[in-house]
């Protein structure tokens, strides 16, 4: 199964993006995609169109969008939500998730990074 590819929303630190890339993880940032300022549901739509799991610190809004999509039987590529924590903690938890779940398993799945301690 193919590994997870990530789409980082605009509030994710550049240093986290660089740390993920240095570990060989395929990522795309909102800034690189020229999507800064897009509404949250459009960010998720972009991630889904590009088969990328969305990573965000905006837990409340994206969790709501996830459940709206599920209620309307609309699939997405996956979503990882986290509190804004020190980069080392986020990176360690992301790496656990990355090596545990593939892109197929992440389809329409909502994961809270706090569960990957």
Protein backbone atom coordinates (compact mmCIF):
# COMPACT_ATOMS: atom_id res chain seq x y z
CA UNK A 1 0.00 0.00 0.00
CA UNK A 2 1.25 3.51 -0.77
CA UNK A 3 2.44 5.61 2.16
CA UNK A 4 0.57 8.63 3.41
CA UNK A 5 1.30 11.89 1.61
CA UNK A 6 0.59 15.05 3.57
CA UNK A 7 -0.90 18.47 2.92
CA UNK A 8 0.02 20.91 5.69
CA UNK A 9 -2.34 23.77 6.39
CA UNK A 10 -1.00 27.29 6.54
CA UNK A 11 -0.49 27.33 10.32
CA UNK A 12 1.91 24.39 10.40
CA UNK A 13 5.46 25.57 11.06
CA UNK A 14 7.92 25.62 8.16
CA UNK A 15 10.45 23.86 10.39
CA UNK A 16 8.04 20.92 10.81
CA UNK A 17 7.62 20.72 7.04
CA UNK A 18 11.40 20.69 6.62
CA UNK A 19 11.81 18.00 9.30
CA UNK A 20 9.22 15.79 7.59
CA UNK A 21 10.85 16.25 4.19
CA UNK A 22 14.28 15.43 5.60
CA UNK A 23 12.79 12.09 6.71
CA UNK A 24 11.59 11.33 3.19
CA UNK A 25 7.92 12.12 3.71
CA UNK A 26 6.08 13.53 0.70
CA UNK A 27 4.51 16.80 1.84
CA UNK A 28 2.96 19.85 0.26
CA UNK A 29 2.35 23.03 2.21
CA UNK A 30 -0.57 25.38 1.72
CA UNK A 31 1.92 28.08 0.80
CA UNK A 32 3.59 25.90 -1.87
CA UNK A 33 0.17 25.12 -3.34
CA UNK A 34 -0.68 28.85 -3.38
CA UNK A 35 -3.75 28.15 -1.25
CA UNK A 36 -3.07 30.53 1.63
CA UNK A 37 -6.34 32.03 2.86
CA UNK A 38 -8.67 29.44 1.30
CA UNK A 39 -11.66 28.43 3.41
CA UNK A 40 -11.17 25.24 5.41
CA UNK A 41 -13.59 23.12 3.36
CA UNK A 42 -11.74 24.16 0.18
CA UNK A 43 -8.43 23.19 1.81
CA UNK A 44 -9.83 19.72 2.47
CA UNK A 45 -11.21 19.51 -1.07
CA UNK A 46 -7.78 20.41 -2.47
CA UNK A 47 -6.07 17.82 -0.27
CA UNK A 48 -8.57 15.18 -1.37
CA UNK A 49 -8.23 16.02 -5.07
CA UNK A 50 -4.47 15.53 -4.66
CA UNK A 51 -4.84 12.38 -2.51
CA UNK A 52 -3.11 14.02 0.44
CA UNK A 53 -3.95 13.70 4.12
CA UNK A 54 -4.56 17.11 5.64
CA UNK A 55 -2.61 18.04 8.77
CA UNK A 56 -3.94 20.94 10.81
CA UNK A 57 -3.91 22.51 14.25
CA UNK A 58 -7.44 23.83 13.59
CA UNK A 59 -9.11 20.91 15.33
CA UNK A 60 -12.57 22.36 15.92
CA UNK A 61 -13.23 23.54 12.36
CA UNK A 62 -11.79 20.54 10.57
CA UNK A 63 -13.48 18.00 12.85
CA UNK A 64 -16.79 19.67 12.05
CA UNK A 65 -16.04 19.54 8.32
CA UNK A 66 -15.06 15.86 8.60
CA UNK A 67 -18.43 14.97 10.12
CA UNK A 68 -20.29 17.09 7.55
CA UNK A 69 -18.51 15.22 4.76
CA UNK A 70 -19.22 11.85 6.36
CA UNK A 71 -22.92 12.71 6.80
CA UNK A 72 -23.13 13.61 3.11
CA UNK A 73 -21.26 10.40 2.13
CA UNK A 74 -18.34 12.40 0.71
CA UNK A 75 -14.92 10.77 1.04
CA UNK A 76 -11.66 12.57 1.72
CA UNK A 77 -8.04 11.42 1.75
CA UNK A 78 -7.81 11.65 5.53
CA UNK A 79 -7.28 14.21 8.24
CA UNK A 80 -4.81 14.49 11.11
CA UNK A 81 -5.61 17.06 13.77
CA UNK A 82 -3.29 18.18 16.54
CA UNK A 83 -2.85 20.71 19.24
CA UNK A 84 -0.03 23.13 18.53
CA UNK A 85 2.77 21.46 20.47
CA UNK A 86 6.56 21.67 20.33
CA UNK A 87 7.73 20.51 16.90
CA UNK A 88 9.65 17.54 18.32
CA UNK A 89 6.48 16.13 19.89
CA UNK A 90 4.38 16.65 16.75
CA UNK A 91 7.12 15.10 14.60
CA UNK A 92 7.50 12.04 16.85
CA UNK A 93 3.73 11.41 16.88
CA UNK A 94 3.42 11.97 13.13
CA UNK A 95 6.20 9.49 12.47
CA UNK A 96 4.38 6.86 14.58
CA UNK A 97 1.21 7.41 12.59
CA UNK A 98 3.10 7.49 9.27
CA UNK A 99 4.70 4.10 9.89
CA UNK A 100 1.42 2.58 11.14
CA UNK A 101 -1.18 3.63 8.56
CA UNK A 102 -1.04 3.78 4.78
CA UNK A 103 -2.95 6.06 2.43
CA UNK A 104 -5.75 3.53 1.92
CA UNK A 105 -6.26 3.15 5.68
CA UNK A 106 -6.39 6.94 6.07
CA UNK A 107 -9.19 7.38 3.53
CA UNK A 108 -12.03 9.35 5.19
CA UNK A 109 -10.37 8.81 8.54
CA UNK A 110 -10.00 11.45 11.24
CA UNK A 111 -6.98 10.94 13.48
CA UNK A 112 -6.08 13.01 16.51
CA UNK A 113 -2.32 13.18 16.95
CA UNK A 114 -2.81 13.07 20.71
CA UNK A 115 -3.66 9.36 20.28
CA UNK A 116 -0.18 8.64 18.87
CA UNK A 117 1.97 9.25 21.97
